[in-house]
N, C-alpha and C. Protein backbone atom coordinates (compact mmCIF):
# COMPACT_ATOMS: atom_id res chain seq x y z
N UNK A 1 69.51 -123.82 -20.19
CA UNK A 1 69.65 -125.00 -19.34
C UNK A 1 69.83 -126.20 -20.24
N UNK A 2 70.84 -126.99 -19.99
CA UNK A 2 71.12 -128.19 -20.77
C UNK A 2 70.61 -129.39 -20.04
N UNK A 3 70.03 -130.30 -20.84
CA UNK A 3 69.62 -131.56 -20.23
C UNK A 3 70.85 -132.41 -20.01
N UNK A 4 70.72 -133.45 -19.21
CA UNK A 4 71.82 -134.31 -18.91
C UNK A 4 72.36 -135.01 -20.15
N UNK A 5 71.48 -135.27 -21.14
CA UNK A 5 71.87 -135.92 -22.37
C UNK A 5 72.72 -135.01 -23.25
N UNK A 6 72.53 -133.70 -23.15
CA UNK A 6 73.31 -132.78 -23.96
C UNK A 6 74.74 -132.63 -23.51
N UNK A 7 75.00 -132.75 -22.24
CA UNK A 7 76.36 -132.67 -21.66
C UNK A 7 76.66 -133.91 -20.87
N UNK A 8 76.82 -135.03 -21.56
CA UNK A 8 77.04 -136.26 -20.79
C UNK A 8 78.40 -136.26 -20.11
N UNK A 9 78.44 -136.81 -18.93
CA UNK A 9 79.72 -136.99 -18.22
C UNK A 9 80.40 -138.21 -18.78
N UNK A 10 81.75 -138.23 -18.73
CA UNK A 10 82.43 -139.44 -19.23
C UNK A 10 82.05 -140.65 -18.35
N UNK A 11 81.91 -141.80 -19.00
CA UNK A 11 81.58 -143.00 -18.22
C UNK A 11 82.66 -143.28 -17.16
N UNK A 12 82.19 -143.75 -16.02
CA UNK A 12 83.12 -144.05 -14.94
C UNK A 12 82.94 -145.51 -14.53
N UNK A 13 84.05 -146.18 -14.37
CA UNK A 13 83.97 -147.56 -13.88
C UNK A 13 84.60 -147.60 -12.49
N UNK A 14 84.06 -148.40 -11.63
CA UNK A 14 84.52 -148.51 -10.27
C UNK A 14 85.15 -149.85 -10.02
N UNK A 15 86.32 -149.86 -9.41
CA UNK A 15 87.01 -151.09 -9.07
C UNK A 15 87.35 -151.01 -7.59
N UNK A 16 86.58 -151.72 -6.77
CA UNK A 16 86.71 -151.65 -5.32
C UNK A 16 86.61 -150.19 -4.88
N UNK A 17 87.67 -149.61 -4.29
CA UNK A 17 87.56 -148.23 -3.82
C UNK A 17 88.13 -147.21 -4.83
N UNK A 18 88.62 -147.71 -5.97
CA UNK A 18 89.23 -146.83 -6.95
C UNK A 18 88.21 -146.48 -8.05
N UNK A 19 88.07 -145.20 -8.32
CA UNK A 19 87.17 -144.76 -9.39
C UNK A 19 88.06 -144.17 -10.48
N UNK A 20 87.92 -144.69 -11.71
CA UNK A 20 88.71 -144.26 -12.82
C UNK A 20 87.80 -143.83 -13.96
N UNK A 21 87.95 -142.60 -14.47
CA UNK A 21 87.17 -142.16 -15.61
C UNK A 21 87.72 -142.85 -16.86
N UNK A 22 86.86 -143.35 -17.71
CA UNK A 22 87.30 -143.94 -18.99
C UNK A 22 87.98 -142.84 -19.81
N UNK A 23 89.09 -143.15 -20.41
CA UNK A 23 89.79 -142.23 -21.28
C UNK A 23 90.61 -143.05 -22.25
N UNK A 24 90.98 -142.47 -23.34
CA UNK A 24 91.80 -143.23 -24.30
C UNK A 24 93.14 -143.59 -23.69
N UNK A 25 93.69 -144.73 -24.12
CA UNK A 25 94.97 -145.19 -23.64
C UNK A 25 96.09 -144.24 -24.04
N UNK A 26 95.94 -143.56 -25.16
CA UNK A 26 96.91 -142.54 -25.56
C UNK A 26 96.21 -141.40 -26.22
N UNK A 27 96.85 -140.30 -26.20
CA UNK A 27 96.31 -139.11 -26.85
C UNK A 27 97.11 -138.84 -28.10
N UNK A 28 96.60 -137.98 -28.92
CA UNK A 28 97.32 -137.63 -30.12
C UNK A 28 98.61 -136.92 -29.74
N UNK A 29 99.61 -137.01 -30.59
CA UNK A 29 100.85 -136.26 -30.27
C UNK A 29 100.54 -134.75 -30.22
N UNK A 30 101.16 -134.08 -29.29
CA UNK A 30 101.00 -132.64 -29.15
C UNK A 30 102.31 -131.97 -29.55
N UNK A 31 102.21 -130.74 -29.99
CA UNK A 31 103.39 -130.02 -30.48
C UNK A 31 103.28 -128.58 -30.11
N UNK A 32 104.44 -127.96 -29.83
CA UNK A 32 104.44 -126.55 -29.48
C UNK A 32 105.75 -125.93 -30.00
N UNK A 33 105.68 -124.83 -30.72
CA UNK A 33 106.86 -124.10 -31.19
C UNK A 33 107.16 -122.95 -30.22
N UNK A 34 108.45 -122.73 -29.98
CA UNK A 34 108.85 -121.73 -29.01
C UNK A 34 109.91 -120.80 -29.58
N UNK A 35 109.87 -119.56 -29.15
CA UNK A 35 110.90 -118.60 -29.52
C UNK A 35 112.12 -118.79 -28.61
N UNK A 36 113.24 -118.28 -29.00
CA UNK A 36 114.50 -118.41 -28.21
C UNK A 36 114.54 -117.30 -27.17
N UNK A 37 113.61 -117.33 -26.24
CA UNK A 37 113.56 -116.33 -25.17
C UNK A 37 113.31 -117.03 -23.84
N UNK A 38 113.97 -116.56 -22.80
CA UNK A 38 113.78 -117.20 -21.47
C UNK A 38 112.33 -117.28 -21.04
N UNK A 39 111.50 -116.30 -21.39
CA UNK A 39 110.08 -116.28 -21.00
C UNK A 39 109.30 -117.45 -21.57
N UNK A 40 109.81 -118.10 -22.60
CA UNK A 40 109.11 -119.21 -23.24
C UNK A 40 109.15 -120.47 -22.36
N UNK A 41 110.04 -120.50 -21.38
CA UNK A 41 110.16 -121.69 -20.51
C UNK A 41 108.85 -121.86 -19.72
N UNK A 42 108.29 -120.80 -19.21
CA UNK A 42 107.03 -120.90 -18.48
C UNK A 42 105.89 -121.39 -19.38
N UNK A 43 105.87 -120.93 -20.63
CA UNK A 43 104.84 -121.37 -21.57
C UNK A 43 104.99 -122.85 -21.85
N UNK A 44 106.23 -123.31 -22.02
CA UNK A 44 106.50 -124.74 -22.27
C UNK A 44 106.07 -125.59 -21.10
N UNK A 45 106.36 -125.13 -19.87
CA UNK A 45 105.99 -125.87 -18.65
C UNK A 45 104.48 -125.99 -18.57
N UNK A 46 103.77 -124.93 -18.86
CA UNK A 46 102.30 -124.96 -18.83
C UNK A 46 101.75 -125.91 -19.88
N UNK A 47 102.30 -125.86 -21.09
CA UNK A 47 101.89 -126.75 -22.18
C UNK A 47 102.03 -128.21 -21.75
N UNK A 48 103.20 -128.58 -21.25
CA UNK A 48 103.49 -129.96 -20.90
C UNK A 48 102.62 -130.41 -19.73
N UNK A 49 102.50 -129.59 -18.72
CA UNK A 49 101.67 -129.94 -17.56
C UNK A 49 100.19 -130.19 -17.95
N UNK A 50 99.69 -129.34 -18.87
CA UNK A 50 98.29 -129.51 -19.26
C UNK A 50 98.10 -130.79 -20.10
N UNK A 51 99.11 -131.21 -20.82
CA UNK A 51 98.98 -132.43 -21.63
C UNK A 51 98.82 -133.70 -20.81
N UNK A 52 99.26 -133.68 -19.57
CA UNK A 52 99.13 -134.90 -18.71
C UNK A 52 97.93 -134.83 -17.78
N UNK A 53 97.12 -133.77 -17.93
CA UNK A 53 95.95 -133.65 -17.07
C UNK A 53 95.08 -134.89 -17.22
N UNK A 54 94.68 -135.51 -16.13
CA UNK A 54 93.84 -136.68 -16.14
C UNK A 54 94.61 -138.01 -16.31
N UNK A 55 95.90 -137.92 -16.48
CA UNK A 55 96.71 -139.12 -16.63
C UNK A 55 97.51 -139.34 -15.34
N UNK A 56 98.02 -140.53 -15.11
CA UNK A 56 98.66 -140.83 -13.81
C UNK A 56 100.12 -140.30 -13.74
N UNK A 57 100.29 -138.99 -13.90
CA UNK A 57 101.61 -138.42 -13.80
C UNK A 57 101.51 -137.17 -12.89
N UNK A 58 102.62 -136.82 -12.29
CA UNK A 58 102.73 -135.63 -11.49
C UNK A 58 102.99 -134.48 -12.44
N UNK A 59 101.99 -133.59 -12.60
CA UNK A 59 102.13 -132.49 -13.53
C UNK A 59 103.30 -131.59 -13.16
N UNK A 60 103.59 -131.43 -11.86
CA UNK A 60 104.70 -130.63 -11.43
C UNK A 60 106.03 -131.22 -11.97
N UNK A 61 106.18 -132.53 -11.81
CA UNK A 61 107.43 -133.17 -12.31
C UNK A 61 107.54 -133.08 -13.82
N UNK A 62 106.45 -133.26 -14.54
CA UNK A 62 106.48 -133.12 -16.00
C UNK A 62 106.88 -131.70 -16.35
N UNK A 63 106.32 -130.74 -15.65
CA UNK A 63 106.66 -129.33 -15.88
C UNK A 63 108.12 -129.04 -15.56
N UNK A 64 108.64 -129.62 -14.49
CA UNK A 64 110.03 -129.40 -14.12
C UNK A 64 111.00 -129.99 -15.16
N UNK A 65 110.72 -131.19 -15.61
CA UNK A 65 111.54 -131.80 -16.69
C UNK A 65 111.50 -130.94 -17.93
N UNK A 66 110.32 -130.47 -18.30
CA UNK A 66 110.19 -129.63 -19.48
C UNK A 66 110.96 -128.34 -19.30
N UNK A 67 110.84 -127.74 -18.10
CA UNK A 67 111.58 -126.48 -17.86
C UNK A 67 113.09 -126.63 -18.02
N UNK A 68 113.61 -127.71 -17.49
CA UNK A 68 115.06 -127.97 -17.61
C UNK A 68 115.47 -128.14 -19.05
N UNK A 69 114.73 -128.92 -19.82
CA UNK A 69 115.07 -129.17 -21.23
C UNK A 69 114.93 -127.91 -22.08
N UNK A 70 113.84 -127.17 -21.87
CA UNK A 70 113.60 -125.97 -22.67
C UNK A 70 114.59 -124.87 -22.30
N UNK A 71 114.96 -124.75 -21.02
CA UNK A 71 115.98 -123.79 -20.64
C UNK A 71 117.28 -124.08 -21.40
N UNK A 72 117.69 -125.36 -21.45
CA UNK A 72 118.89 -125.70 -22.21
C UNK A 72 118.73 -125.36 -23.67
N UNK A 73 117.55 -125.62 -24.25
CA UNK A 73 117.31 -125.35 -25.66
C UNK A 73 117.35 -123.86 -25.95
N UNK A 74 116.77 -123.04 -25.07
CA UNK A 74 116.80 -121.59 -25.22
C UNK A 74 118.25 -121.12 -25.18
N UNK A 75 119.01 -121.61 -24.21
CA UNK A 75 120.40 -121.20 -24.10
C UNK A 75 121.21 -121.59 -25.33
N UNK A 76 120.96 -122.81 -25.86
CA UNK A 76 121.67 -123.25 -27.05
C UNK A 76 121.30 -122.39 -28.24
N UNK A 77 120.03 -122.11 -28.44
CA UNK A 77 119.61 -121.30 -29.58
C UNK A 77 120.15 -119.89 -29.49
N UNK A 78 120.16 -119.29 -28.30
CA UNK A 78 120.65 -117.93 -28.13
C UNK A 78 122.16 -117.86 -28.31
N UNK A 79 122.87 -118.95 -28.01
CA UNK A 79 124.32 -118.97 -28.22
C UNK A 79 124.68 -118.92 -29.70
N UNK A 80 123.73 -119.33 -30.56
CA UNK A 80 123.98 -119.28 -32.00
C UNK A 80 123.75 -117.92 -32.58
N UNK A 81 123.09 -117.04 -31.85
CA UNK A 81 122.81 -115.70 -32.36
C UNK A 81 121.42 -115.24 -32.01
N UNK A 82 121.06 -114.05 -32.51
CA UNK A 82 119.75 -113.48 -32.27
C UNK A 82 118.73 -114.11 -33.21
N UNK A 83 117.52 -114.32 -32.73
CA UNK A 83 116.43 -114.89 -33.54
C UNK A 83 115.30 -113.86 -33.60
N UNK A 84 114.81 -113.59 -34.81
CA UNK A 84 113.66 -112.67 -34.92
C UNK A 84 112.46 -113.23 -34.17
N UNK A 85 111.59 -112.36 -33.68
CA UNK A 85 110.44 -112.78 -32.90
C UNK A 85 109.48 -113.68 -33.73
N UNK A 86 109.50 -113.57 -35.03
CA UNK A 86 108.59 -114.36 -35.85
C UNK A 86 109.06 -115.81 -36.00
N UNK A 87 110.27 -116.08 -35.55
CA UNK A 87 110.80 -117.46 -35.70
C UNK A 87 110.66 -118.22 -34.38
N UNK A 88 110.39 -119.49 -34.49
CA UNK A 88 110.29 -120.40 -33.33
C UNK A 88 111.28 -121.54 -33.56
N UNK A 89 112.55 -121.33 -33.21
CA UNK A 89 113.58 -122.34 -33.50
C UNK A 89 113.57 -123.55 -32.57
N UNK A 90 112.73 -123.52 -31.55
CA UNK A 90 112.67 -124.62 -30.57
C UNK A 90 111.29 -125.26 -30.67
N UNK A 91 111.27 -126.56 -30.57
CA UNK A 91 109.95 -127.22 -30.56
C UNK A 91 109.92 -128.29 -29.47
N UNK A 92 108.69 -128.53 -29.03
CA UNK A 92 108.41 -129.61 -28.07
C UNK A 92 107.42 -130.53 -28.75
N UNK A 93 107.70 -131.81 -28.74
CA UNK A 93 106.74 -132.84 -29.17
C UNK A 93 106.48 -133.71 -27.96
N UNK A 94 105.23 -134.12 -27.79
CA UNK A 94 104.90 -134.87 -26.60
C UNK A 94 103.80 -135.87 -26.90
N UNK A 95 103.99 -137.07 -26.48
CA UNK A 95 102.97 -138.12 -26.52
C UNK A 95 102.74 -138.58 -25.10
N UNK A 96 101.53 -138.44 -24.61
CA UNK A 96 101.18 -138.85 -23.25
C UNK A 96 100.18 -140.00 -23.33
N UNK A 97 100.53 -141.07 -22.68
CA UNK A 97 99.64 -142.23 -22.55
C UNK A 97 99.42 -142.51 -21.08
N UNK A 98 98.61 -143.48 -20.75
CA UNK A 98 98.43 -143.80 -19.32
C UNK A 98 99.63 -144.62 -18.77
N UNK A 99 100.58 -145.00 -19.62
CA UNK A 99 101.75 -145.76 -19.17
C UNK A 99 103.06 -144.95 -19.23
N UNK A 100 103.14 -144.01 -20.17
CA UNK A 100 104.37 -143.20 -20.28
C UNK A 100 104.12 -141.89 -20.97
N UNK A 101 105.07 -140.98 -20.78
CA UNK A 101 105.12 -139.73 -21.51
C UNK A 101 106.45 -139.72 -22.26
N UNK A 102 106.35 -139.45 -23.57
CA UNK A 102 107.57 -139.25 -24.36
C UNK A 102 107.62 -137.79 -24.72
N UNK A 103 108.66 -137.08 -24.22
CA UNK A 103 108.85 -135.68 -24.41
C UNK A 103 110.10 -135.49 -25.23
N UNK A 104 110.03 -134.68 -26.31
CA UNK A 104 111.17 -134.45 -27.20
C UNK A 104 111.29 -132.94 -27.41
N UNK A 105 112.46 -132.37 -27.03
CA UNK A 105 112.68 -130.95 -27.21
C UNK A 105 113.84 -130.79 -28.23
N UNK A 106 113.53 -130.04 -29.31
CA UNK A 106 114.49 -129.83 -30.39
C UNK A 106 114.95 -128.38 -30.41
N UNK A 107 116.26 -128.20 -30.57
CA UNK A 107 116.82 -126.84 -30.72
C UNK A 107 117.75 -126.82 -31.94
N UNK A 108 118.12 -125.65 -32.44
CA UNK A 108 118.87 -125.56 -33.69
C UNK A 108 120.37 -125.73 -33.56
N UNK A 109 120.87 -126.13 -32.39
CA UNK A 109 122.30 -126.36 -32.18
C UNK A 109 122.61 -127.84 -32.32
N UNK A 110 123.26 -128.19 -33.38
CA UNK A 110 123.54 -129.61 -33.63
C UNK A 110 124.79 -130.15 -32.93
N UNK A 111 125.46 -129.28 -32.17
CA UNK A 111 126.63 -129.73 -31.43
C UNK A 111 126.25 -130.65 -30.27
N UNK A 112 127.15 -131.53 -29.88
CA UNK A 112 126.83 -132.46 -28.79
C UNK A 112 126.39 -131.73 -27.53
N UNK A 113 125.48 -132.35 -26.83
CA UNK A 113 124.96 -131.81 -25.57
C UNK A 113 126.03 -131.78 -24.53
N UNK A 114 126.10 -130.72 -23.80
CA UNK A 114 127.09 -130.59 -22.71
C UNK A 114 126.81 -131.60 -21.64
N UNK A 115 127.83 -132.03 -20.91
CA UNK A 115 127.67 -133.00 -19.82
C UNK A 115 126.88 -132.44 -18.68
N UNK A 116 126.30 -133.32 -17.93
CA UNK A 116 125.45 -132.94 -16.77
C UNK A 116 126.31 -132.78 -15.53
N UNK A 117 125.79 -132.03 -14.59
CA UNK A 117 126.32 -131.93 -13.20
C UNK A 117 127.79 -131.47 -13.16
N UNK A 118 128.12 -130.45 -13.92
CA UNK A 118 129.46 -129.91 -13.83
C UNK A 118 129.51 -128.89 -12.69
N UNK A 119 130.40 -129.04 -11.77
CA UNK A 119 130.57 -128.06 -10.73
C UNK A 119 129.92 -128.39 -9.40
N UNK A 120 129.21 -129.48 -9.27
CA UNK A 120 128.67 -129.88 -7.99
C UNK A 120 127.34 -129.20 -7.64
N UNK A 121 126.93 -129.42 -6.39
CA UNK A 121 125.64 -128.97 -5.94
C UNK A 121 125.51 -127.44 -5.90
N UNK A 122 126.61 -126.73 -5.71
CA UNK A 122 126.51 -125.27 -5.60
C UNK A 122 126.70 -124.55 -6.92
N UNK A 123 126.92 -125.27 -7.98
CA UNK A 123 127.11 -124.67 -9.28
C UNK A 123 125.84 -123.97 -9.75
N UNK A 124 126.00 -122.87 -10.48
CA UNK A 124 124.86 -122.12 -10.98
C UNK A 124 124.29 -122.79 -12.24
N UNK A 125 125.13 -123.48 -12.98
CA UNK A 125 124.69 -124.11 -14.23
C UNK A 125 125.11 -125.58 -14.22
N UNK A 126 124.40 -126.41 -15.01
CA UNK A 126 124.85 -127.78 -15.23
C UNK A 126 124.16 -128.85 -14.41
N UNK A 127 123.22 -128.45 -13.55
CA UNK A 127 122.56 -129.46 -12.70
C UNK A 127 121.23 -129.93 -13.31
N UNK A 128 120.72 -129.25 -14.29
CA UNK A 128 119.39 -129.56 -14.85
C UNK A 128 119.22 -130.95 -15.37
N UNK A 129 120.22 -131.44 -16.11
CA UNK A 129 120.11 -132.81 -16.67
C UNK A 129 120.20 -133.85 -15.59
N UNK A 130 120.86 -133.55 -14.49
CA UNK A 130 120.88 -134.49 -13.37
C UNK A 130 119.49 -134.62 -12.76
N UNK A 131 118.80 -133.50 -12.65
CA UNK A 131 117.42 -133.51 -12.16
C UNK A 131 116.53 -134.34 -13.12
N UNK A 132 116.68 -134.08 -14.40
CA UNK A 132 115.88 -134.83 -15.39
C UNK A 132 116.18 -136.33 -15.27
N UNK A 133 117.44 -136.70 -15.14
CA UNK A 133 117.81 -138.13 -15.04
C UNK A 133 117.24 -138.79 -13.80
N UNK A 134 117.08 -138.02 -12.72
CA UNK A 134 116.50 -138.57 -11.49
C UNK A 134 114.99 -138.83 -11.61
N UNK A 135 114.34 -138.04 -12.44
CA UNK A 135 112.87 -138.14 -12.57
C UNK A 135 112.39 -138.97 -13.73
N UNK A 136 113.24 -139.14 -14.75
CA UNK A 136 112.83 -139.83 -15.98
C UNK A 136 113.35 -141.30 -15.97
N UNK A 137 112.65 -142.11 -16.77
CA UNK A 137 113.07 -143.51 -16.92
C UNK A 137 114.25 -143.59 -17.87
N UNK A 138 114.30 -142.67 -18.83
CA UNK A 138 115.38 -142.68 -19.83
C UNK A 138 115.51 -141.30 -20.45
N UNK A 139 116.74 -141.00 -20.92
CA UNK A 139 117.01 -139.77 -21.68
C UNK A 139 118.02 -140.13 -22.74
N UNK A 140 117.80 -139.64 -23.96
CA UNK A 140 118.77 -139.83 -25.03
C UNK A 140 118.68 -138.63 -25.98
N UNK A 141 119.69 -138.50 -26.83
CA UNK A 141 119.77 -137.37 -27.75
C UNK A 141 119.94 -137.89 -29.17
N UNK A 142 119.21 -137.27 -30.10
CA UNK A 142 119.42 -137.56 -31.50
C UNK A 142 119.87 -136.28 -32.20
N UNK A 143 120.69 -136.45 -33.22
CA UNK A 143 121.26 -135.30 -33.95
C UNK A 143 120.97 -135.42 -35.42
N UNK A 144 120.85 -134.26 -36.09
CA UNK A 144 120.94 -134.24 -37.53
C UNK A 144 121.86 -133.04 -37.88
N UNK A 145 122.01 -132.70 -39.13
CA UNK A 145 122.99 -131.68 -39.50
C UNK A 145 122.59 -130.28 -39.03
N UNK A 146 121.32 -130.06 -38.68
CA UNK A 146 120.90 -128.71 -38.30
C UNK A 146 120.32 -128.60 -36.87
N UNK A 147 120.20 -129.71 -36.16
CA UNK A 147 119.58 -129.63 -34.84
C UNK A 147 119.91 -130.83 -33.97
N UNK A 148 119.49 -130.71 -32.72
CA UNK A 148 119.53 -131.89 -31.83
C UNK A 148 118.19 -131.97 -31.13
N UNK A 149 117.84 -133.20 -30.76
CA UNK A 149 116.58 -133.40 -30.02
C UNK A 149 116.91 -134.20 -28.78
N UNK A 150 116.51 -133.67 -27.65
CA UNK A 150 116.67 -134.39 -26.36
C UNK A 150 115.32 -135.08 -26.09
N UNK A 151 115.36 -136.39 -25.98
CA UNK A 151 114.19 -137.20 -25.69
C UNK A 151 114.21 -137.63 -24.24
N UNK A 152 113.04 -137.63 -23.63
CA UNK A 152 112.90 -138.11 -22.29
C UNK A 152 111.66 -138.97 -22.22
N UNK A 153 111.80 -140.08 -21.53
CA UNK A 153 110.71 -141.04 -21.34
C UNK A 153 110.42 -141.11 -19.84
N UNK A 154 109.18 -140.80 -19.49
CA UNK A 154 108.76 -140.83 -18.08
C UNK A 154 107.71 -141.92 -17.96
N UNK A 155 107.97 -142.90 -17.15
CA UNK A 155 107.00 -143.99 -16.93
C UNK A 155 106.08 -143.63 -15.78
N UNK A 156 104.83 -144.06 -15.90
CA UNK A 156 103.88 -143.88 -14.79
C UNK A 156 104.34 -144.68 -13.58
N UNK A 157 103.97 -144.26 -12.40
CA UNK A 157 104.36 -144.95 -11.18
C UNK A 157 103.96 -146.44 -11.26
N UNK A 158 104.92 -147.28 -10.98
CA UNK A 158 104.67 -148.72 -10.96
C UNK A 158 104.70 -149.39 -12.33
N UNK A 159 104.94 -148.64 -13.38
CA UNK A 159 104.92 -149.20 -14.75
C UNK A 159 106.35 -149.54 -15.16
N UNK A 160 106.50 -150.76 -15.65
CA UNK A 160 107.79 -151.15 -16.28
C UNK A 160 107.50 -151.28 -17.77
N UNK A 161 108.19 -150.48 -18.54
CA UNK A 161 107.91 -150.43 -19.99
C UNK A 161 108.49 -151.66 -20.69
N UNK A 162 107.73 -152.17 -21.64
CA UNK A 162 108.15 -153.37 -22.38
C UNK A 162 109.15 -152.95 -23.47
N UNK A 163 109.95 -153.92 -23.95
CA UNK A 163 110.83 -153.64 -25.05
C UNK A 163 110.10 -153.08 -26.28
N UNK A 164 108.90 -153.57 -26.52
CA UNK A 164 108.12 -153.07 -27.67
C UNK A 164 107.74 -151.59 -27.48
N UNK A 165 107.40 -151.19 -26.27
CA UNK A 165 107.11 -149.78 -25.99
C UNK A 165 108.35 -148.92 -26.18
N UNK A 166 109.49 -149.40 -25.69
CA UNK A 166 110.74 -148.65 -25.85
C UNK A 166 111.09 -148.51 -27.32
N UNK A 167 110.88 -149.54 -28.09
CA UNK A 167 111.13 -149.49 -29.54
C UNK A 167 110.17 -148.51 -30.22
N UNK A 168 108.93 -148.51 -29.78
CA UNK A 168 107.91 -147.65 -30.37
C UNK A 168 108.27 -146.17 -30.25
N UNK A 169 108.85 -145.78 -29.12
CA UNK A 169 109.20 -144.37 -28.91
C UNK A 169 110.58 -144.05 -29.52
N UNK A 170 111.27 -145.03 -30.05
CA UNK A 170 112.57 -144.77 -30.73
C UNK A 170 113.79 -144.72 -29.82
N UNK A 171 113.64 -145.30 -28.61
CA UNK A 171 114.77 -145.29 -27.69
C UNK A 171 115.83 -146.24 -28.22
N UNK A 172 117.06 -145.78 -28.34
CA UNK A 172 118.13 -146.64 -28.81
C UNK A 172 118.41 -147.75 -27.76
N UNK A 173 118.75 -148.93 -28.28
CA UNK A 173 119.05 -150.03 -27.35
C UNK A 173 120.53 -150.29 -27.22
């Protein structure tokens, strides 16, 4: 049996009818390496959803955005060839704060990202980035000679990000 002092609850402050548990304004960056297999999409979705637990974001939407980006990354990596199981050519980096989430998915295909929404509503492929663009505040891509990284910035409901915040996450202006 533990005394109350051994397992203290996080301090809670009350503001009128709203109760908010004290938590840090930002968490440490999180990272996850993924294999180039379709089954890794579910693992990525779970990783991203768990990173926003307790923050003012819809975990389902964060998971959906992650699923779309990781599906594209898996397809891009597989198009380059077969990858041994010991290799994780795809990575997710994520910084979650109480104001925004910066999600970055890197894959080993340095070619330009294909356009979004090719083929209309009934198309089997090409609608994922349109979904991401509807849910995110911003999306951009960075390239180097061996990879590309798709960045997504998701603002908390009612939050307008400052130019300093946008600069901090590396969003091009």
